[in-house]
Amino acid sequence: MLAYNRSKLCNILFSKELNRRLSPHGVTSNAVHPGNMMYSSIHRNWWGYTLLFALVRPFTKSMQQGASTSVYCAVSPELEGLGGMYFNNCCRCLPSQEAQREETAAALWELSERLIQERVGSQSK
């Protein structure tokens, strides 16, 4: 669960830094949370997952419902030119304090660049 939470934090931080870098050029970026969706075949491999999926199914979203926040942020006229925000259920939300740290967002960007360069550089040899 910790890895999942960190991945969501990184998504918000990366989107915030992407917006900071590209908004002067007319490109904006917002982070979105699609909600809890249950579309997976993992439950086929173990009966425990089948039971778990059956219990949580009433509290999950369909694929269409999960896409609604992404679609809203992409086409909503009131968001035109606005970025660096976090949305859940088509509403702007305040992310955690950690997700608002500009220095952490910049550090994540630099780490991402370095890791990509290491990978791309090693493949070009």
N, C-alpha and C. Protein backbone atom coordinates (compact mmCIF):
# COMPACT_ATOMS: atom_id res chain seq x y z
N MET A 1 0.82 -1.19 0.00
CA MET A 1 0.00 0.00 0.00
C MET A 1 0.86 1.26 0.00
N LEU A 2 2.01 1.18 0.66
CA LEU A 2 2.90 2.32 0.71
C LEU A 2 3.39 2.69 -0.69
N ALA A 3 3.71 1.68 -1.50
CA ALA A 3 4.17 1.95 -2.87
C ALA A 3 3.07 2.62 -3.68
N TYR A 4 1.83 2.18 -3.51
CA TYR A 4 0.71 2.79 -4.22
C TYR A 4 0.56 4.26 -3.81
N ASN A 5 0.60 4.53 -2.52
CA ASN A 5 0.47 5.91 -2.03
C ASN A 5 1.59 6.79 -2.56
N ARG A 6 2.79 6.26 -2.57
CA ARG A 6 3.92 7.03 -3.10
C ARG A 6 3.76 7.31 -4.59
N SER A 7 3.23 6.33 -5.32
CA SER A 7 3.04 6.54 -6.76
C SER A 7 2.02 7.65 -7.01
N LYS A 8 0.99 7.73 -6.18
CA LYS A 8 -0.01 8.80 -6.32
C LYS A 8 0.59 10.16 -5.96
N LEU A 9 1.41 10.18 -4.92
CA LEU A 9 2.11 11.41 -4.55
C LEU A 9 3.00 11.87 -5.70
N CYS A 10 3.74 10.96 -6.29
CA CYS A 10 4.62 11.31 -7.41
C CYS A 10 3.82 11.80 -8.61
N ASN A 11 2.64 11.24 -8.84
CA ASN A 11 1.79 11.70 -9.93
C ASN A 11 1.42 13.16 -9.75
N ILE A 12 1.03 13.54 -8.55
CA ILE A 12 0.65 14.92 -8.27
C ILE A 12 1.86 15.85 -8.37
N LEU A 13 2.98 15.43 -7.78
CA LEU A 13 4.19 16.26 -7.83
C LEU A 13 4.68 16.45 -9.26
N PHE A 14 4.68 15.38 -10.05
CA PHE A 14 5.17 15.47 -11.43
C PHE A 14 4.27 16.37 -12.25
N SER A 15 2.96 16.24 -12.08
CA SER A 15 2.02 17.08 -12.80
C SER A 15 2.20 18.55 -12.43
N LYS A 16 2.44 18.81 -11.16
CA LYS A 16 2.65 20.18 -10.69
C LYS A 16 3.91 20.78 -11.34
N GLU A 17 4.99 20.01 -11.39
CA GLU A 17 6.23 20.49 -11.99
C GLU A 17 6.09 20.63 -13.51
N LEU A 18 5.39 19.70 -14.13
CA LEU A 18 5.14 19.79 -15.57
C LEU A 18 4.38 21.07 -15.88
N ASN A 19 3.39 21.38 -15.08
CA ASN A 19 2.63 22.61 -15.26
C ASN A 19 3.52 23.84 -15.09
N ARG A 20 4.37 23.82 -14.07
CA ARG A 20 5.27 24.96 -13.83
C ARG A 20 6.19 25.20 -15.03
N ARG A 21 6.66 24.13 -15.63
CA ARG A 21 7.60 24.25 -16.74
C ARG A 21 6.92 24.61 -18.06
N LEU A 22 5.70 24.13 -18.28
CA LEU A 22 5.07 24.32 -19.58
C LEU A 22 4.01 25.41 -19.64
N SER A 23 3.48 25.84 -18.51
CA SER A 23 2.43 26.86 -18.55
C SER A 23 2.87 28.17 -19.20
N PRO A 24 4.15 28.57 -19.10
CA PRO A 24 4.55 29.78 -19.83
C PRO A 24 4.42 29.64 -21.35
N HIS A 25 4.31 28.40 -21.83
CA HIS A 25 4.17 28.13 -23.26
C HIS A 25 2.72 27.78 -23.63
N GLY A 26 1.79 28.00 -22.72
CA GLY A 26 0.38 27.76 -23.00
C GLY A 26 -0.09 26.33 -22.79
N VAL A 27 0.72 25.50 -22.16
CA VAL A 27 0.35 24.11 -21.90
C VAL A 27 0.16 23.94 -20.39
N THR A 28 -0.96 23.36 -20.00
CA THR A 28 -1.24 23.17 -18.57
C THR A 28 -1.32 21.69 -18.24
N SER A 29 -1.15 21.39 -16.97
CA SER A 29 -1.22 20.01 -16.48
C SER A 29 -1.92 20.00 -15.13
N ASN A 30 -2.86 19.09 -14.97
CA ASN A 30 -3.53 18.87 -13.70
C ASN A 30 -3.48 17.38 -13.38
N ALA A 31 -3.40 17.05 -12.11
CA ALA A 31 -3.43 15.65 -11.67
C ALA A 31 -4.87 15.28 -11.37
N VAL A 32 -5.24 14.05 -11.73
CA VAL A 32 -6.61 13.59 -11.48
C VAL A 32 -6.59 12.24 -10.77
N HIS A 33 -7.59 12.03 -9.94
CA HIS A 33 -7.81 10.74 -9.29
C HIS A 33 -9.10 10.18 -9.88
N PRO A 34 -9.02 9.06 -10.57
CA PRO A 34 -10.22 8.53 -11.22
C PRO A 34 -11.21 7.89 -10.26
N GLY A 35 -10.81 7.67 -9.03
CA GLY A 35 -11.69 6.99 -8.08
C GLY A 35 -11.35 5.51 -8.03
N ASN A 36 -12.08 4.79 -7.24
CA ASN A 36 -11.83 3.36 -7.07
C ASN A 36 -12.56 2.58 -8.14
N MET A 37 -11.79 2.01 -9.02
CA MET A 37 -12.37 1.21 -10.10
C MET A 37 -11.94 -0.24 -9.92
N MET A 38 -12.81 -1.14 -10.27
CA MET A 38 -12.49 -2.55 -10.14
C MET A 38 -12.63 -3.20 -11.51
N TYR A 39 -11.60 -3.13 -12.29
CA TYR A 39 -11.59 -3.80 -13.58
C TYR A 39 -10.28 -4.56 -13.66
N SER A 40 -10.32 -5.79 -13.26
CA SER A 40 -9.11 -6.59 -13.21
C SER A 40 -9.46 -8.06 -13.32
N SER A 41 -8.53 -8.82 -13.83
CA SER A 41 -8.72 -10.27 -13.89
C SER A 41 -7.91 -10.98 -12.81
N ILE A 42 -7.35 -10.22 -11.87
CA ILE A 42 -6.53 -10.81 -10.82
C ILE A 42 -7.33 -11.79 -9.97
N HIS A 43 -8.62 -11.55 -9.84
CA HIS A 43 -9.44 -12.41 -9.00
C HIS A 43 -9.58 -13.82 -9.55
N ARG A 44 -9.25 -14.03 -10.80
CA ARG A 44 -9.36 -15.37 -11.39
C ARG A 44 -8.31 -16.33 -10.84
N ASN A 45 -7.24 -15.79 -10.28
CA ASN A 45 -6.13 -16.62 -9.85
C ASN A 45 -6.25 -17.15 -8.43
N TRP A 46 -7.13 -16.57 -7.64
CA TRP A 46 -7.23 -17.01 -6.25
C TRP A 46 -8.62 -16.71 -5.73
N TRP A 47 -9.23 -17.65 -5.05
CA TRP A 47 -10.61 -17.49 -4.58
C TRP A 47 -10.74 -16.33 -3.60
N GLY A 48 -9.69 -16.04 -2.82
CA GLY A 48 -9.74 -14.93 -1.86
C GLY A 48 -9.97 -13.59 -2.54
N TYR A 49 -9.31 -13.41 -3.68
CA TYR A 49 -9.52 -12.17 -4.44
C TYR A 49 -10.93 -12.11 -5.01
N THR A 50 -11.46 -13.25 -5.43
CA THR A 50 -12.82 -13.28 -5.96
C THR A 50 -13.80 -12.79 -4.89
N LEU A 51 -13.63 -13.26 -3.67
CA LEU A 51 -14.48 -12.83 -2.56
C LEU A 51 -14.29 -11.34 -2.27
N LEU A 52 -13.05 -10.90 -2.21
CA LEU A 52 -12.75 -9.49 -1.94
C LEU A 52 -13.38 -8.59 -3.00
N PHE A 53 -13.22 -8.94 -4.26
CA PHE A 53 -13.78 -8.13 -5.35
C PHE A 53 -15.30 -8.09 -5.26
N ALA A 54 -15.92 -9.20 -4.89
CA ALA A 54 -17.38 -9.22 -4.76
C ALA A 54 -17.85 -8.30 -3.64
N LEU A 55 -17.09 -8.22 -2.56
CA LEU A 55 -17.47 -7.38 -1.42
C LEU A 55 -17.31 -5.89 -1.70
N VAL A 56 -16.27 -5.50 -2.43
CA VAL A 56 -16.02 -4.08 -2.65
C VAL A 56 -16.67 -3.54 -3.92
N ARG A 57 -17.19 -4.41 -4.75
CA ARG A 57 -17.78 -3.98 -6.02
C ARG A 57 -18.82 -2.87 -5.88
N PRO A 58 -19.71 -2.90 -4.88
CA PRO A 58 -20.71 -1.82 -4.76
C PRO A 58 -20.11 -0.45 -4.49
N PHE A 59 -18.86 -0.39 -4.05
CA PHE A 59 -18.23 0.88 -3.71
C PHE A 59 -17.27 1.38 -4.78
N THR A 60 -17.31 0.77 -5.94
CA THR A 60 -16.37 1.13 -7.01
C THR A 60 -17.10 1.81 -8.16
N LYS A 61 -16.29 2.38 -9.05
CA LYS A 61 -16.82 3.08 -10.22
C LYS A 61 -16.69 2.22 -11.47
N SER A 62 -17.55 2.50 -12.43
CA SER A 62 -17.40 1.88 -13.74
C SER A 62 -16.25 2.55 -14.47
N MET A 63 -15.83 2.00 -15.58
CA MET A 63 -14.77 2.62 -16.37
C MET A 63 -15.20 4.01 -16.84
N GLN A 64 -16.45 4.16 -17.24
CA GLN A 64 -16.96 5.46 -17.70
C GLN A 64 -16.94 6.48 -16.56
N GLN A 65 -17.38 6.07 -15.39
CA GLN A 65 -17.37 6.96 -14.23
C GLN A 65 -15.94 7.33 -13.85
N GLY A 66 -15.03 6.38 -13.94
CA GLY A 66 -13.63 6.64 -13.62
C GLY A 66 -12.99 7.62 -14.59
N ALA A 67 -13.44 7.61 -15.84
CA ALA A 67 -12.88 8.51 -16.85
C ALA A 67 -13.43 9.93 -16.75
N SER A 68 -14.52 10.12 -16.05
CA SER A 68 -15.21 11.41 -16.07
C SER A 68 -14.34 12.57 -15.58
N THR A 69 -13.52 12.37 -14.57
CA THR A 69 -12.68 13.46 -14.07
C THR A 69 -11.60 13.83 -15.08
N SER A 70 -11.01 12.84 -15.73
CA SER A 70 -10.01 13.12 -16.77
C SER A 70 -10.63 13.88 -17.93
N VAL A 71 -11.81 13.46 -18.34
CA VAL A 71 -12.49 14.13 -19.45
C VAL A 71 -12.86 15.56 -19.04
N TYR A 72 -13.37 15.72 -17.84
CA TYR A 72 -13.72 17.06 -17.34
C TYR A 72 -12.51 17.99 -17.39
N CYS A 73 -11.38 17.53 -16.87
CA CYS A 73 -10.19 18.39 -16.86
C CYS A 73 -9.67 18.69 -18.26
N ALA A 74 -9.88 17.78 -19.19
CA ALA A 74 -9.39 17.98 -20.55
C ALA A 74 -10.24 18.95 -21.36
N VAL A 75 -11.55 18.98 -21.11
CA VAL A 75 -12.43 19.77 -21.99
C VAL A 75 -13.21 20.89 -21.30
N SER A 76 -13.11 21.01 -20.00
CA SER A 76 -13.89 22.02 -19.29
C SER A 76 -13.41 23.43 -19.63
N PRO A 77 -14.30 24.28 -20.16
CA PRO A 77 -13.90 25.65 -20.50
C PRO A 77 -13.41 26.45 -19.30
N GLU A 78 -13.97 26.20 -18.12
CA GLU A 78 -13.56 26.98 -16.95
C GLU A 78 -12.15 26.63 -16.46
N LEU A 79 -11.58 25.54 -16.96
CA LEU A 79 -10.21 25.18 -16.57
C LEU A 79 -9.19 25.59 -17.63
N GLU A 80 -9.64 26.18 -18.71
CA GLU A 80 -8.72 26.56 -19.77
C GLU A 80 -7.67 27.54 -19.23
N GLY A 81 -6.42 27.18 -19.43
CA GLY A 81 -5.32 28.02 -18.96
C GLY A 81 -4.96 27.84 -17.50
N LEU A 82 -5.67 26.97 -16.79
CA LEU A 82 -5.40 26.74 -15.36
C LEU A 82 -4.76 25.37 -15.17
N GLY A 83 -3.74 25.31 -14.36
CA GLY A 83 -3.07 24.03 -14.13
C GLY A 83 -2.44 23.99 -12.75
N GLY A 84 -1.74 22.89 -12.50
CA GLY A 84 -1.09 22.70 -11.22
C GLY A 84 -2.05 22.32 -10.11
N MET A 85 -3.21 21.80 -10.48
CA MET A 85 -4.23 21.48 -9.49
C MET A 85 -4.46 19.97 -9.44
N TYR A 86 -5.22 19.54 -8.44
CA TYR A 86 -5.55 18.14 -8.23
C TYR A 86 -7.07 18.00 -8.19
N PHE A 87 -7.59 17.04 -8.96
CA PHE A 87 -9.04 16.85 -9.06
C PHE A 87 -9.44 15.43 -8.70
N ASN A 88 -10.58 15.33 -8.03
CA ASN A 88 -11.19 14.05 -7.68
C ASN A 88 -12.70 14.23 -7.85
N ASN A 89 -13.35 13.32 -8.55
CA ASN A 89 -14.79 13.41 -8.80
C ASN A 89 -15.18 14.75 -9.42
N CYS A 90 -14.39 15.21 -10.37
CA CYS A 90 -14.63 16.46 -11.10
C CYS A 90 -14.59 17.69 -10.20
N CYS A 91 -14.00 17.57 -9.03
CA CYS A 91 -13.88 18.70 -8.10
C CYS A 91 -12.42 18.94 -7.77
N ARG A 92 -12.07 20.22 -7.66
CA ARG A 92 -10.71 20.55 -7.24
C ARG A 92 -10.56 20.20 -5.77
N CYS A 93 -9.48 19.53 -5.43
CA CYS A 93 -9.20 19.13 -4.05
C CYS A 93 -7.84 19.65 -3.64
N LEU A 94 -7.68 19.85 -2.37
CA LEU A 94 -6.40 20.27 -1.83
C LEU A 94 -5.58 19.01 -1.54
N PRO A 95 -4.44 18.86 -2.22
CA PRO A 95 -3.62 17.67 -1.95
C PRO A 95 -2.91 17.80 -0.61
N SER A 96 -2.27 16.74 -0.20
CA SER A 96 -1.54 16.75 1.07
C SER A 96 -0.45 17.82 1.07
N GLN A 97 0.01 18.17 2.25
CA GLN A 97 1.10 19.15 2.37
C GLN A 97 2.32 18.69 1.59
N GLU A 98 2.62 17.40 1.67
CA GLU A 98 3.78 16.86 0.97
C GLU A 98 3.65 17.03 -0.54
N ALA A 99 2.44 16.91 -1.05
CA ALA A 99 2.21 17.04 -2.50
C ALA A 99 2.25 18.49 -2.97
N GLN A 100 2.34 19.43 -2.04
CA GLN A 100 2.38 20.84 -2.41
C GLN A 100 3.78 21.43 -2.37
N ARG A 101 4.76 20.64 -2.02
CA ARG A 101 6.14 21.13 -1.89
C ARG A 101 6.80 21.28 -3.26
N GLU A 102 7.06 22.51 -3.65
CA GLU A 102 7.65 22.78 -4.95
C GLU A 102 9.05 22.20 -5.07
N GLU A 103 9.82 22.23 -3.99
CA GLU A 103 11.18 21.69 -4.05
C GLU A 103 11.16 20.17 -4.24
N THR A 104 10.17 19.50 -3.69
CA THR A 104 10.05 18.05 -3.87
C THR A 104 9.65 17.74 -5.31
N ALA A 105 8.76 18.55 -5.87
CA ALA A 105 8.35 18.36 -7.26
C ALA A 105 9.54 18.54 -8.20
N ALA A 106 10.36 19.55 -7.95
CA ALA A 106 11.54 19.79 -8.78
C ALA A 106 12.55 18.65 -8.63
N ALA A 107 12.72 18.15 -7.41
CA ALA A 107 13.65 17.04 -7.18
C ALA A 107 13.18 15.77 -7.88
N LEU A 108 11.88 15.52 -7.86
CA LEU A 108 11.32 14.36 -8.56
C LEU A 108 11.56 14.48 -10.06
N TRP A 109 11.37 15.67 -10.60
CA TRP A 109 11.60 15.91 -12.03
C TRP A 109 13.06 15.60 -12.38
N GLU A 110 13.98 16.13 -11.57
CA GLU A 110 15.40 15.91 -11.83
C GLU A 110 15.77 14.43 -11.72
N LEU A 111 15.22 13.74 -10.73
CA LEU A 111 15.46 12.31 -10.59
C LEU A 111 14.92 11.56 -11.81
N SER A 112 13.73 11.92 -12.26
CA SER A 112 13.13 11.27 -13.43
C SER A 112 14.01 11.48 -14.66
N GLU A 113 14.49 12.70 -14.85
CA GLU A 113 15.37 12.97 -15.99
C GLU A 113 16.64 12.12 -15.92
N ARG A 114 17.22 12.04 -14.73
CA ARG A 114 18.46 11.27 -14.57
C ARG A 114 18.24 9.79 -14.84
N LEU A 115 17.15 9.23 -14.32
CA LEU A 115 16.86 7.81 -14.53
C LEU A 115 16.58 7.51 -15.99
N ILE A 116 15.86 8.40 -16.65
CA ILE A 116 15.59 8.20 -18.08
C ILE A 116 16.89 8.29 -18.87
N GLN A 117 17.72 9.26 -18.55
CA GLN A 117 18.99 9.41 -19.25
C GLN A 117 19.87 8.18 -19.06
N GLU A 118 19.90 7.64 -17.85
CA GLU A 118 20.68 6.43 -17.59
C GLU A 118 20.18 5.27 -18.44
N ARG A 119 18.87 5.15 -18.53
CA ARG A 119 18.27 4.04 -19.30
C ARG A 119 18.47 4.24 -20.79
N VAL A 120 18.20 5.42 -21.28
CA VAL A 120 18.34 5.71 -22.71
C VAL A 120 19.81 5.67 -23.09
N GLY A 121 20.66 6.22 -22.23
CA GLY A 121 22.09 6.21 -22.50
C GLY A 121 22.65 4.81 -22.58
N SER A 122 22.16 3.91 -21.73
CA SER A 122 22.66 2.54 -21.74
C SER A 122 22.16 1.77 -22.95
N GLN A 123 21.02 2.16 -23.51
CA GLN A 123 20.49 1.47 -24.70
C GLN A 123 21.15 1.95 -25.98
N SER A 124 21.70 3.15 -25.97
CA SER A 124 22.27 3.69 -27.19
C SER A 124 23.69 3.19 -27.44
N LYS A 125 24.24 2.43 -26.51
CA LYS A 125 25.62 1.92 -26.67
C LYS A 125 25.64 0.63 -27.43
